């Protein structure tokens, strides 16, 4: 099993496809935003399409089947536990076909949980969640985020300040157990992969180049109709309040622009800033995994990077 991780805008998709072609295999996406339907441009989802293969429908990009991508309604929630369950089924299926699974994406919790196992968390507590929701209504979302920074700074590093669902869940777990959710996740209880069963690689590039890539991506997204994508979502009744998917980076700023709360220039600046902060959180997460083999993608060439990975398999 091969994992390909790393922060956004480092070229994971291109390398994963190149690697999958060489291995004649399929890709399991480990991206918590690209799972959603209708969120295409803003999540940098590969420009693939569903195709009929052996009487089943699969998402195909550049000739490679991609699993766990573009399948969930924006109003639905999806947990690391959901990912593990579905990913393990896919891994077994691919192995039964003598294919080496390639798991690629930037959601650290998904990858960590698949390798290390996922700790059992307490059931949701309605009264605690209600109390936290009331605090948000009274003091604002940032009030809860600052509480999270106080009680569980490690989780605060990887949870976006606008992802209220994850903020509330992390605080809820802390109030129930007295332990930060980040600490609980480091005590896995399910089966772990043995070191010989997988290799994990991650792409990185120099900060200046990473930020340049991010700025370029934001430009391309806006040119390709990111604003129109958000307009269509709003017309279909999706809102930040009822759609966890719209907590994804960039979407709230376009909504604010459409509501005449910020200028277009400010909107673009904030999207780039949010993306940089997201990349920092990803880097923080992945740097804690000492098993990762880091590969420099500053001077990007997917064939060269795939060659480097190939030599280490």
C-alpha atoms as a PDB file:
ATOM      1  CA  UNK A   1       0.000   0.000   0.000  1.00  0.00           C
ATOM      2  CA  UNK A   2       1.364   3.404  -0.963  1.00  0.00           C
ATOM      3  CA  UNK A   3       0.364   6.701   0.651  1.00  0.00           C
ATOM      4  CA  UNK A   4       1.009  10.057  -1.017  1.00  0.00           C
ATOM      5  CA  UNK A   5       0.459  12.986   1.315  1.00  0.00           C
ATOM      6  CA  UNK A   6       1.533  16.585   1.810  1.00  0.00           C
ATOM      7  CA  UNK A   7       0.110  20.104   1.823  1.00  0.00           C
ATOM      8  CA  UNK A   8      -2.127  21.568  -0.826  1.00  0.00           C
ATOM      9  CA  UNK A   9      -0.655  22.887  -4.087  1.00  0.00           C
ATOM     10  CA  UNK A  10       2.383  20.596  -4.130  1.00  0.00           C
ATOM     11  CA  UNK A  11       1.330  18.378  -7.044  1.00  0.00           C
ATOM     12  CA  UNK A  12      -0.097  15.304  -5.297  1.00  0.00           C
ATOM     13  CA  UNK A  13      -2.812  14.678  -7.880  1.00  0.00           C
ATOM     14  CA  UNK A  14      -0.460  14.643 -10.868  1.00  0.00           C
ATOM     15  CA  UNK A  15       2.070  12.416  -9.118  1.00  0.00           C
ATOM     16  CA  UNK A  16      -0.622  10.028  -7.850  1.00  0.00           C
ATOM     17  CA  UNK A  17      -2.020   9.594 -11.365  1.00  0.00           C
ATOM     18  CA  UNK A  18       1.452   9.022 -12.849  1.00  0.00           C
ATOM     19  CA  UNK A  19       2.276   6.498 -10.139  1.00  0.00           C
ATOM     20  CA  UNK A  20      -1.077   4.712 -10.500  1.00  0.00           C
ATOM     21  CA  UNK A  21      -0.534   4.363 -14.249  1.00  0.00           C
ATOM     22  CA  UNK A  22       2.858   2.745 -13.701  1.00  0.00           C
ATOM     23  CA  UNK A  23       1.415   0.385 -11.120  1.00  0.00           C
ATOM     24  CA  UNK A  24      -1.718  -0.245 -13.219  1.00  0.00           C
ATOM     25  CA  UNK A  25      -3.827   0.404 -10.155  1.00  0.00           C
ATOM     26  CA  UNK A  26      -6.484   2.746  -8.767  1.00  0.00           C
ATOM     27  CA  UNK A  27      -6.427   5.722  -6.412  1.00  0.00           C
ATOM     28  CA  UNK A  28      -8.257   6.050  -3.104  1.00  0.00           C
ATOM     29  CA  UNK A  29      -8.687   9.740  -2.368  1.00  0.00           C
ATOM     30  CA  UNK A  30      -7.924  10.937   1.163  1.00  0.00           C
ATOM     31  CA  UNK A  31      -9.343  14.433   0.765  1.00  0.00           C
ATOM     32  CA  UNK A  32     -12.141  15.519   3.096  1.00  0.00           C
ATOM     33  CA  UNK A  33     -13.387  18.209   0.701  1.00  0.00           C
ATOM     34  CA  UNK A  34     -13.250  16.446  -2.649  1.00  0.00           C
ATOM     35  CA  UNK A  35     -15.710  13.869  -1.338  1.00  0.00           C
ATOM     36  CA  UNK A  36     -18.515  16.388  -1.939  1.00  0.00           C
ATOM     37  CA  UNK A  37     -20.590  16.651  -5.076  1.00  0.00           C
ATOM     38  CA  UNK A  38     -21.051  20.092  -6.650  1.00  0.00           C
ATOM     39  CA  UNK A  39     -17.884  21.453  -4.990  1.00  0.00           C
ATOM     40  CA  UNK A  40     -15.524  21.120  -7.910  1.00  0.00           C
ATOM     41  CA  UNK A  41     -13.550  24.268  -8.621  1.00  0.00           C
ATOM     42  CA  UNK A  42     -13.092  25.417  -5.037  1.00  0.00           C
ATOM     43  CA  UNK A  43     -11.801  22.027  -3.868  1.00  0.00           C
ATOM     44  CA  UNK A  44      -9.443  21.613  -6.856  1.00  0.00           C
ATOM     45  CA  UNK A  45     -11.219  18.364  -7.639  1.00  0.00           C
ATOM     46  CA  UNK A  46      -9.686  16.489 -10.596  1.00  0.00           C
ATOM     47  CA  UNK A  47     -11.648  17.210 -13.765  1.00  0.00           C
ATOM     48  CA  UNK A  48     -12.832  13.653 -14.208  1.00  0.00           C
ATOM     49  CA  UNK A  49     -16.250  12.116 -14.799  1.00  0.00           C
ATOM     50  CA  UNK A  50     -18.195   9.027 -13.882  1.00  0.00           C
ATOM     51  CA  UNK A  51     -17.912   6.152 -16.346  1.00  0.00           C
ATOM     52  CA  UNK A  52     -19.523   2.730 -16.563  1.00  0.00           C
ATOM     53  CA  UNK A  53     -16.980  -0.024 -15.953  1.00  0.00           C
ATOM     54  CA  UNK A  54     -18.132  -3.641 -15.564  1.00  0.00           C
ATOM     55  CA  UNK A  55     -21.714  -2.501 -14.885  1.00  0.00           C
ATOM     56  CA  UNK A  56     -20.606  -0.133 -12.106  1.00  0.00           C
ATOM     57  CA  UNK A  57     -20.044   3.630 -12.135  1.00  0.00           C
ATOM     58  CA  UNK A  58     -16.587   4.955 -11.248  1.00  0.00           C
ATOM     59  CA  UNK A  59     -15.037   8.419 -11.142  1.00  0.00           C
ATOM     60  CA  UNK A  60     -12.268   8.393 -13.757  1.00  0.00           C
ATOM     61  CA  UNK A  61      -9.566  11.011 -14.283  1.00  0.00           C
ATOM     62  CA  UNK A  62      -6.875  10.629 -16.930  1.00  0.00           C
ATOM     63  CA  UNK A  63      -7.747   6.980 -17.314  1.00  0.00           C
ATOM     64  CA  UNK A  64      -7.382   6.179 -13.611  1.00  0.00           C
ATOM     65  CA  UNK A  65     -10.272   5.180 -11.342  1.00  0.00           C
ATOM     66  CA  UNK A  66     -10.523   7.440  -8.275  1.00  0.00           C
ATOM     67  CA  UNK A  67     -12.478   6.217  -5.255  1.00  0.00           C
ATOM     68  CA  UNK A  68     -14.065   8.278  -2.453  1.00  0.00           C
ATOM     69  CA  UNK A  69     -14.353  11.393  -4.564  1.00  0.00           C
ATOM     70  CA  UNK A  70     -17.427  13.347  -5.713  1.00  0.00           C
ATOM     71  CA  UNK A  71     -19.966  11.073  -4.015  1.00  0.00           C
ATOM     72  CA  UNK A  72     -21.443  12.918  -1.007  1.00  0.00           C
ATOM     73  CA  UNK A  73     -24.207  15.513  -0.816  1.00  0.00           C
ATOM     74  CA  UNK A  74     -22.897  18.882   0.525  1.00  0.00           C
ATOM     75  CA  UNK A  75     -25.372  18.719   3.413  1.00  0.00           C
ATOM     76  CA  UNK A  76     -24.012  15.389   4.655  1.00  0.00           C
ATOM     77  CA  UNK A  77     -21.290  14.913   7.270  1.00  0.00           C
ATOM     78  CA  UNK A  78     -18.443  12.434   6.859  1.00  0.00           C
ATOM     79  CA  UNK A  79     -16.101  11.290   9.603  1.00  0.00           C
ATOM     80  CA  UNK A  80     -12.683   9.678   9.761  1.00  0.00           C
ATOM     81  CA  UNK A  81     -14.510   6.540  10.882  1.00  0.00           C
ATOM     82  CA  UNK A  82     -16.599   6.615   7.694  1.00  0.00           C
ATOM     83  CA  UNK A  83     -13.410   6.998   5.681  1.00  0.00           C
ATOM     84  CA  UNK A  84     -11.668   4.072   7.385  1.00  0.00           C
ATOM     85  CA  UNK A  85     -14.633   1.781   6.844  1.00  0.00           C
ATOM     86  CA  UNK A  86     -14.934   2.569   3.140  1.00  0.00           C
ATOM     87  CA  UNK A  87     -11.201   2.784   2.476  1.00  0.00           C
ATOM     88  CA  UNK A  88     -10.511  -0.587   4.098  1.00  0.00           C
ATOM     89  CA  UNK A  89     -13.171  -2.200   1.913  1.00  0.00           C
ATOM     90  CA  UNK A  90     -11.588  -0.649  -1.188  1.00  0.00           C
ATOM     91  CA  UNK A  91      -8.079  -1.674  -0.128  1.00  0.00           C
ATOM     92  CA  UNK A  92      -9.214  -5.294   0.278  1.00  0.00           C
ATOM     93  CA  UNK A  93     -10.955  -5.221  -3.092  1.00  0.00           C
ATOM     94  CA  UNK A  94      -7.868  -3.873  -4.867  1.00  0.00           C
ATOM     95  CA  UNK A  95      -5.583  -6.387  -3.176  1.00  0.00           C
ATOM     96  CA  UNK A  96      -7.912  -9.200  -4.232  1.00  0.00           C
ATOM     97  CA  UNK A  97      -7.351  -7.995  -7.807  1.00  0.00           C
ATOM     98  CA  UNK A  98      -3.570  -8.010  -7.202  1.00  0.00           C
ATOM     99  CA  UNK A  99      -3.444  -4.226  -7.374  1.00  0.00           C
ATOM    100  CA  UNK A 100      -1.376  -2.022  -5.061  1.00  0.00           C
ATOM    101  CA  UNK A 101      -3.653   0.645  -3.524  1.00  0.00           C
ATOM    102  CA  UNK A 102      -2.478   4.251  -3.869  1.00  0.00           C
ATOM    103  CA  UNK A 103      -4.016   6.447  -1.176  1.00  0.00           C
ATOM    104  CA  UNK A 104      -3.484  10.105  -2.030  1.00  0.00           C
ATOM    105  CA  UNK A 105      -4.615  13.302  -0.343  1.00  0.00           C
ATOM    106  CA  UNK A 106      -3.948  16.005   2.184  1.00  0.00           C
ATOM    107  CA  UNK A 107      -6.337  15.104   5.008  1.00  0.00           C
ATOM    108  CA  UNK A 108      -3.891  14.005   7.666  1.00  0.00           C
ATOM    109  CA  UNK A 109      -6.469  12.485  10.003  1.00  0.00           C
ATOM    110  CA  UNK A 110      -7.734  10.156   7.268  1.00  0.00           C
ATOM    111  CA  UNK A 111      -4.253   8.897   6.434  1.00  0.00           C
ATOM    112  CA  UNK A 112      -3.146   8.660  10.069  1.00  0.00           C
ATOM    113  CA  UNK A 113      -6.295   6.767  11.025  1.00  0.00           C
ATOM    114  CA  UNK A 114      -5.960   4.287   8.181  1.00  0.00           C
ATOM    115  CA  UNK A 115      -2.378   3.519   9.200  1.00  0.00           C
ATOM    116  CA  UNK A 116      -2.574   3.734  12.990  1.00  0.00           C
ATOM    117  CA  UNK A 117      -6.214   2.975  13.635  1.00  0.00           C
ATOM    118  CA  UNK A 118      -8.843   5.268  15.101  1.00  0.00           C
ATOM    119  CA  UNK A 119      -9.420   5.660  18.810  1.00  0.00           C
ATOM    120  CA  UNK A 120     -12.953   5.146  20.084  1.00  0.00           C
ATOM    121  CA  UNK A 121     -14.572   8.468  20.903  1.00  0.00           C
ATOM    122  CA  UNK A 122     -17.554   9.017  23.207  1.00  0.00           C
ATOM    123  CA  UNK A 123     -21.062   9.252  21.799  1.00  0.00           C
ATOM    124  CA  UNK A 124     -22.430  12.717  21.113  1.00  0.00           C
ATOM    125  CA  UNK A 125     -23.856  14.502  24.150  1.00  0.00           C
ATOM    126  CA  UNK A 126     -26.884  16.588  23.231  1.00  0.00           C
ATOM    127  CA  UNK A 127     -26.791  18.892  26.266  1.00  0.00           C
ATOM    128  CA  UNK A 128     -23.095  19.723  25.819  1.00  0.00           C
ATOM    129  CA  UNK A 129     -23.552  20.329  22.103  1.00  0.00           C
ATOM    130  CA  UNK A 130     -26.553  22.552  22.799  1.00  0.00           C
ATOM    131  CA  UNK A 131     -24.537  24.558  25.330  1.00  0.00           C
ATOM    132  CA  UNK A 132     -21.693  24.998  22.840  1.00  0.00           C
ATOM    133  CA  UNK A 133     -24.128  26.047  20.104  1.00  0.00           C
ATOM    134  CA  UNK A 134     -25.610  28.664  22.434  1.00  0.00           C
ATOM    135  CA  UNK A 135     -22.118  29.975  23.204  1.00  0.00           C
ATOM    136  CA  UNK A 136     -21.482  30.288  19.485  1.00  0.00           C
ATOM    137  CA  UNK A 137     -24.733  32.172  18.961  1.00  0.00           C
ATOM    138  CA  UNK A 138     -23.952  34.502  21.851  1.00  0.00           C
ATOM    139  CA  UNK A 139     -20.222  35.108  21.396  1.00  0.00           C
ATOM    140  CA  UNK A 140     -19.428  34.000  17.854  1.00  0.00           C
ATOM    141  CA  UNK A 141     -17.548  31.124  16.280  1.00  0.00           C
ATOM    142  CA  UNK A 142     -14.134  32.546  17.172  1.00  0.00           C
ATOM    143  CA  UNK A 143     -15.023  32.340  20.881  1.00  0.00           C
ATOM    144  CA  UNK A 144     -15.287  28.556  20.633  1.00  0.00           C
ATOM    145  CA  UNK A 145     -12.147  28.353  18.526  1.00  0.00           C
ATOM    146  CA  UNK A 146     -10.196  30.232  21.210  1.00  0.00           C
ATOM    147  CA  UNK A 147     -11.520  27.771  23.794  1.00  0.00           C
ATOM    148  CA  UNK A 148     -10.217  24.973  21.609  1.00  0.00           C
ATOM    149  CA  UNK A 149      -6.825  26.684  21.361  1.00  0.00           C
ATOM    150  CA  UNK A 150      -6.738  26.804  25.166  1.00  0.00           C
ATOM    151  CA  UNK A 151      -7.804  23.198  25.822  1.00  0.00           C
ATOM    152  CA  UNK A 152      -6.340  21.466  22.766  1.00  0.00           C
ATOM    153  CA  UNK A 153      -3.818  23.629  20.891  1.00  0.00           C
ATOM    154  CA  UNK A 154      -2.709  20.664  18.766  1.00  0.00           C
ATOM    155  CA  UNK A 155      -6.208  20.189  17.333  1.00  0.00           C
ATOM    156  CA  UNK A 156      -6.563  23.943  16.882  1.00  0.00           C
ATOM    157  CA  UNK A 157      -3.517  23.804  14.597  1.00  0.00           C
ATOM    158  CA  UNK A 158      -5.254  21.427  12.178  1.00  0.00           C
ATOM    159  CA  UNK A 159      -8.914  22.451  12.485  1.00  0.00           C
ATOM    160  CA  UNK A 160      -9.993  25.429  10.416  1.00  0.00           C
ATOM    161  CA  UNK A 161     -11.413  28.279  12.561  1.00  0.00           C
ATOM    162  CA  UNK A 162     -14.616  28.165  10.494  1.00  0.00           C
ATOM    163  CA  UNK A 163     -15.151  24.426  10.750  1.00  0.00           C
ATOM    164  CA  UNK A 164     -17.682  24.710  13.544  1.00  0.00           C
ATOM    165  CA  UNK A 165     -18.651  21.028  13.399  1.00  0.00           C
ATOM    166  CA  UNK A 166     -15.118  19.852  14.173  1.00  0.00           C
ATOM    167  CA  UNK A 167     -14.599  22.617  16.761  1.00  0.00           C
ATOM    168  CA  UNK A 168     -17.749  21.624  18.647  1.00  0.00           C
ATOM    169  CA  UNK A 169     -16.890  17.924  18.440  1.00  0.00           C
ATOM    170  CA  UNK A 170     -13.366  18.514  19.756  1.00  0.00           C
ATOM    171  CA  UNK A 171     -14.659  20.614  22.658  1.00  0.00           C
ATOM    172  CA  UNK A 172     -17.445  18.122  23.344  1.00  0.00           C
ATOM    173  CA  UNK A 173     -14.938  15.257  23.601  1.00  0.00           C
ATOM    174  CA  UNK A 174     -12.769  17.341  25.918  1.00  0.00           C
ATOM    175  CA  UNK A 175     -15.697  18.156  28.204  1.00  0.00           C
ATOM    176  CA  UNK A 176     -16.813  14.508  28.305  1.00  0.00           C
ATOM    177  CA  UNK A 177     -13.421  12.860  28.792  1.00  0.00           C
ATOM    178  CA  UNK A 178     -11.206  15.588  30.224  1.00  0.00           C
ATOM    179  CA  UNK A 179      -8.651  14.754  27.509  1.00  0.00           C
ATOM    180  CA  UNK A 180      -7.928  16.597  24.239  1.00  0.00           C
ATOM    181  CA  UNK A 181      -9.193  14.749  21.175  1.00  0.00           C
ATOM    182  CA  UNK A 182      -5.677  14.981  19.703  1.00  0.00           C
ATOM    183  CA  UNK A 183      -4.347  12.995  22.683  1.00  0.00           C
ATOM    184  CA  UNK A 184      -7.089  10.382  22.314  1.00  0.00           C
ATOM    185  CA  UNK A 185      -6.302   9.951  18.625  1.00  0.00           C
ATOM    186  CA  UNK A 186      -2.714   9.088  19.551  1.00  0.00           C
ATOM    187  CA  UNK A 187      -4.019   6.074  21.470  1.00  0.00           C
ATOM    188  CA  UNK A 188      -5.441   3.928  18.661  1.00  0.00           C
ATOM    189  CA  UNK A 189      -7.512   0.887  19.541  1.00  0.00           C
ATOM    190  CA  UNK A 190      -8.225  -0.655  16.145  1.00  0.00           C
ATOM    191  CA  UNK A 191      -5.843  -2.731  14.036  1.00  0.00           C
ATOM    192  CA  UNK A 192      -2.710  -0.989  12.807  1.00  0.00           C
ATOM    193  CA  UNK A 193      -0.844  -1.480   9.569  1.00  0.00           C
ATOM    194  CA  UNK A 194       2.555  -3.042  10.088  1.00  0.00           C
ATOM    195  CA  UNK A 195       5.481  -1.001   8.789  1.00  0.00           C
ATOM    196  CA  UNK A 196       6.182  -3.513   6.033  1.00  0.00           C
ATOM    197  CA  UNK A 197       2.653  -3.234   4.698  1.00  0.00           C
ATOM    198  CA  UNK A 198       2.922   0.337   3.458  1.00  0.00           C
ATOM    199  CA  UNK A 199       5.186   3.188   2.390  1.00  0.00           C
ATOM    200  CA  UNK A 200       4.223   6.795   2.975  1.00  0.00           C
ATOM    201  CA  UNK A 201       5.584   9.670   0.909  1.00  0.00           C
ATOM    202  CA  UNK A 202       4.794  13.375   1.146  1.00  0.00           C
ATOM    203  CA  UNK A 203       5.511  16.219  -1.241  1.00  0.00           C
ATOM    204  CA  UNK A 204       6.845  19.547  -0.057  1.00  0.00           C
ATOM    205  CA  UNK A 205       8.243  22.646  -1.697  1.00  0.00           C
ATOM    206  CA  UNK A 206       9.967  25.822  -0.639  1.00  0.00           C
ATOM    207  CA  UNK A 207       7.665  28.268   1.114  1.00  0.00           C
ATOM    208  CA  UNK A 208       8.023  30.980  -1.535  1.00  0.00           C
ATOM    209  CA  UNK A 209       7.135  28.489  -4.267  1.00  0.00           C
ATOM    210  CA  UNK A 210       4.247  27.067  -2.237  1.00  0.00           C
ATOM    211  CA  UNK A 211       2.749  30.517  -1.772  1.00  0.00           C
ATOM    212  CA  UNK A 212       3.234  31.262  -5.464  1.00  0.00           C
ATOM    213  CA  UNK A 213       1.413  28.025  -6.312  1.00  0.00           C
ATOM    214  CA  UNK A 214      -1.419  28.975  -3.964  1.00  0.00           C
ATOM    215  CA  UNK A 215      -1.799  32.444  -5.480  1.00  0.00           C
ATOM    216  CA  UNK A 216      -1.806  30.956  -8.969  1.00  0.00           C
ATOM    217  CA  UNK A 217      -4.403  28.371  -8.003  1.00  0.00           C
ATOM    218  CA  UNK A 218      -6.703  31.029  -6.559  1.00  0.00           C
ATOM    219  CA  UNK A 219      -6.383  33.018  -9.796  1.00  0.00           C
ATOM    220  CA  UNK A 220      -7.210  29.964 -11.899  1.00  0.00           C
ATOM    221  CA  UNK A 221     -10.153  28.986  -9.686  1.00  0.00           C
ATOM    222  CA  UNK A 222     -11.699  32.431 -10.017  1.00  0.00           C
ATOM    223  CA  UNK A 223     -11.066  32.476 -13.767  1.00  0.00           C
ATOM    224  CA  UNK A 224     -12.688  29.055 -14.090  1.00  0.00           C
ATOM    225  CA  UNK A 225     -15.916  30.094 -12.368  1.00  0.00           C
ATOM    226  CA  UNK A 226     -15.480  29.601  -8.624  1.00  0.00           C
ATOM    227  CA  UNK A 227     -17.905  32.469  -7.906  1.00  0.00           C
ATOM    228  CA  UNK A 228     -20.510  30.971 -10.252  1.00  0.00           C
ATOM    229  CA  UNK A 229     -20.099  27.599  -8.552  1.00  0.00           C
ATOM    230  CA  UNK A 230     -20.936  29.165  -5.191  1.00  0.00           C
ATOM    231  CA  UNK A 231     -23.866  31.090  -6.693  1.00  0.00           C
ATOM    232  CA  UNK A 232     -25.296  27.811  -8.004  1.00  0.00           C
ATOM    233  CA  UNK A 233     -24.905  26.144  -4.617  1.00  0.00           C
ATOM    234  CA  UNK A 234     -26.751  28.998  -2.904  1.00  0.00           C
ATOM    235  CA  UNK A 235     -29.530  28.862  -5.518  1.00  0.00           C
ATOM    236  CA  UNK A 236     -29.956  25.159  -4.769  1.00  0.00           C
ATOM    237  CA  UNK A 237     -30.489  25.935  -1.091  1.00  0.00           C
ATOM    238  CA  UNK A 238     -27.072  25.059   0.298  1.00  0.00           C
ATOM    239  CA  UNK A 239     -25.913  27.358   3.099  1.00  0.00           C
ATOM    240  CA  UNK A 240     -23.018  27.383   5.552  1.00  0.00           C
ATOM    241  CA  UNK A 241     -25.567  26.718   8.299  1.00  0.00           C
ATOM    242  CA  UNK A 242     -26.897  23.504   6.730  1.00  0.00           C
ATOM    243  CA  UNK A 243     -24.013  22.285   4.584  1.00  0.00           C
ATOM    244  CA  UNK A 244     -20.724  21.188   6.203  1.00  0.00           C
ATOM    245  CA  UNK A 245     -19.140  21.206   2.743  1.00  0.00           C
ATOM    246  CA  UNK A 246     -19.347  25.008   2.583  1.00  0.00           C
ATOM    247  CA  UNK A 247     -16.887  25.243   5.469  1.00  0.00           C
ATOM    248  CA  UNK A 248     -14.257  24.372   2.873  1.00  0.00           C
ATOM    249  CA  UNK A 249     -11.543  26.957   2.259  1.00  0.00           C
ATOM    250  CA  UNK A 250     -12.691  29.847   0.082  1.00  0.00           C
ATOM    251  CA  UNK A 251     -16.439  29.271   0.003  1.00  0.00           C
ATOM    252  CA  UNK A 252     -17.378  31.515   2.940  1.00  0.00           C
ATOM    253  CA  UNK A 253     -15.410  34.438   1.456  1.00  0.00           C
ATOM    254  CA  UNK A 254     -17.211  34.163  -1.863  1.00  0.00           C
ATOM    255  CA  UNK A 255     -20.517  34.038   0.001  1.00  0.00           C
ATOM    256  CA  UNK A 256     -19.500  37.190   1.888  1.00  0.00           C
ATOM    257  CA  UNK A 257     -18.626  38.840  -1.447  1.00  0.00           C
ATOM    258  CA  UNK A 258     -21.970  37.843  -2.963  1.00  0.00           C
ATOM    259  CA  UNK A 259     -23.703  39.332   0.079  1.00  0.00           C
ATOM    260  CA  UNK A 260     -21.772  42.608  -0.497  1.00  0.00           C
ATOM    261  CA  UNK A 261     -19.951  42.262   2.825  1.00  0.00           C
ATOM    262  CA  UNK A 262     -16.453  42.384   1.293  1.00  0.00           C
ATOM    263  CA  UNK A 263     -14.934  43.584  -1.969  1.00  0.00           C
ATOM    264  CA  UNK A 264     -13.788  41.242  -4.718  1.00  0.00           C
ATOM    265  CA  UNK A 265     -10.171  42.202  -4.035  1.00  0.00           C
ATOM    266  CA  UNK A 266     -10.550  41.459  -0.339  1.00  0.00           C
ATOM    267  CA  UNK A 267     -12.298  38.181  -1.167  1.00  0.00           C
ATOM    268  CA  UNK A 268      -9.377  37.032  -3.317  1.00  0.00           C
ATOM    269  CA  UNK A 269      -6.841  38.041  -0.660  1.00  0.00           C
ATOM    270  CA  UNK A 270      -8.724  36.157   2.055  1.00  0.00           C
ATOM    271  CA  UNK A 271      -9.044  32.984  -0.023  1.00  0.00           C
ATOM    272  CA  UNK A 272      -5.282  32.953  -0.623  1.00  0.00           C
ATOM    273  CA  UNK A 273      -4.615  33.682   3.049  1.00  0.00           C
ATOM    274  CA  UNK A 274      -6.946  30.897   4.192  1.00  0.00           C
ATOM    275  CA  UNK A 275      -5.281  28.478   1.781  1.00  0.00           C
ATOM    276  CA  UNK A 276      -1.821  29.377   3.101  1.00  0.00           C
ATOM    277  CA  UNK A 277      -3.016  28.814   6.662  1.00  0.00           C
ATOM    278  CA  UNK A 278      -4.532  25.488   5.635  1.00  0.00           C
ATOM    279  CA  UNK A 279      -1.216  24.435   4.080  1.00  0.00           C
ATOM    280  CA  UNK A 280       0.567  25.350   7.331  1.00  0.00           C
ATOM    281  CA  UNK A 281      -1.819  23.173   9.330  1.00  0.00           C
ATOM    282  CA  UNK A 282      -1.253  20.274   6.927  1.00  0.00           C
ATOM    283  CA  UNK A 283       2.520  20.633   7.211  1.00  0.00           C
ATOM    284  CA  UNK A 284       2.266  20.734  11.019  1.00  0.00           C
ATOM    285  CA  UNK A 285       0.254  17.508  10.998  1.00  0.00           C
ATOM    286  CA  UNK A 286       2.449  15.546   8.591  1.00  0.00           C
ATOM    287  CA  UNK A 287       5.738  16.614  10.173  1.00  0.00           C
ATOM    288  CA  UNK A 288       4.761  14.655  13.281  1.00  0.00           C
ATOM    289  CA  UNK A 289       4.885  11.390  11.326  1.00  0.00           C
ATOM    290  CA  UNK A 290       8.488  10.203  11.407  1.00  0.00           C
ATOM    291  CA  UNK A 291       7.766   7.444   8.867  1.00  0.00           C
ATOM    292  CA  UNK A 292       7.070   9.892   6.055  1.00  0.00           C
ATOM    293  CA  UNK A 293       9.598  10.084   3.244  1.00  0.00           C
ATOM    294  CA  UNK A 294       9.597  13.695   2.067  1.00  0.00           C
ATOM    295  CA  UNK A 295      10.160  14.525  -1.593  1.00  0.00           C
ATOM    296  CA  UNK A 296      10.884  18.039  -2.840  1.00  0.00           C
ATOM    297  CA  UNK A 297       8.417  19.185  -5.503  1.00  0.00           C
ATOM    298  CA  UNK A 298       9.648  22.786  -5.762  1.00  0.00           C
ATOM    299  CA  UNK A 299      10.931  22.206  -9.299  1.00  0.00           C
ATOM    300  CA  UNK A 300       7.861  20.200 -10.190  1.00  0.00           C
ATOM    301  CA  UNK A 301       7.972  17.299 -12.610  1.00  0.00           C
ATOM    302  CA  UNK A 302       5.598  14.413 -11.935  1.00  0.00           C
ATOM    303  CA  UNK A 303       7.718  11.903 -13.844  1.00  0.00           C
ATOM    304  CA  UNK A 304      10.877  12.782 -11.905  1.00  0.00           C
ATOM    305  CA  UNK A 305       9.046  12.586  -8.587  1.00  0.00           C
ATOM    306  CA  UNK A 306       7.413   9.293  -9.566  1.00  0.00           C
ATOM    307  CA  UNK A 307      10.864   7.960 -10.486  1.00  0.00           C
ATOM    308  CA  UNK A 308      12.104   8.869  -7.004  1.00  0.00           C
ATOM    309  CA  UNK A 309       9.177   7.060  -5.387  1.00  0.00           C
ATOM    310  CA  UNK A 310       9.554   4.091  -7.714  1.00  0.00           C
ATOM    311  CA  UNK A 311      13.165   3.542  -6.640  1.00  0.00           C
ATOM    312  CA  UNK A 312      12.090   3.328  -3.005  1.00  0.00           C
ATOM    313  CA  UNK A 313       9.268   0.826  -3.442  1.00  0.00           C
END
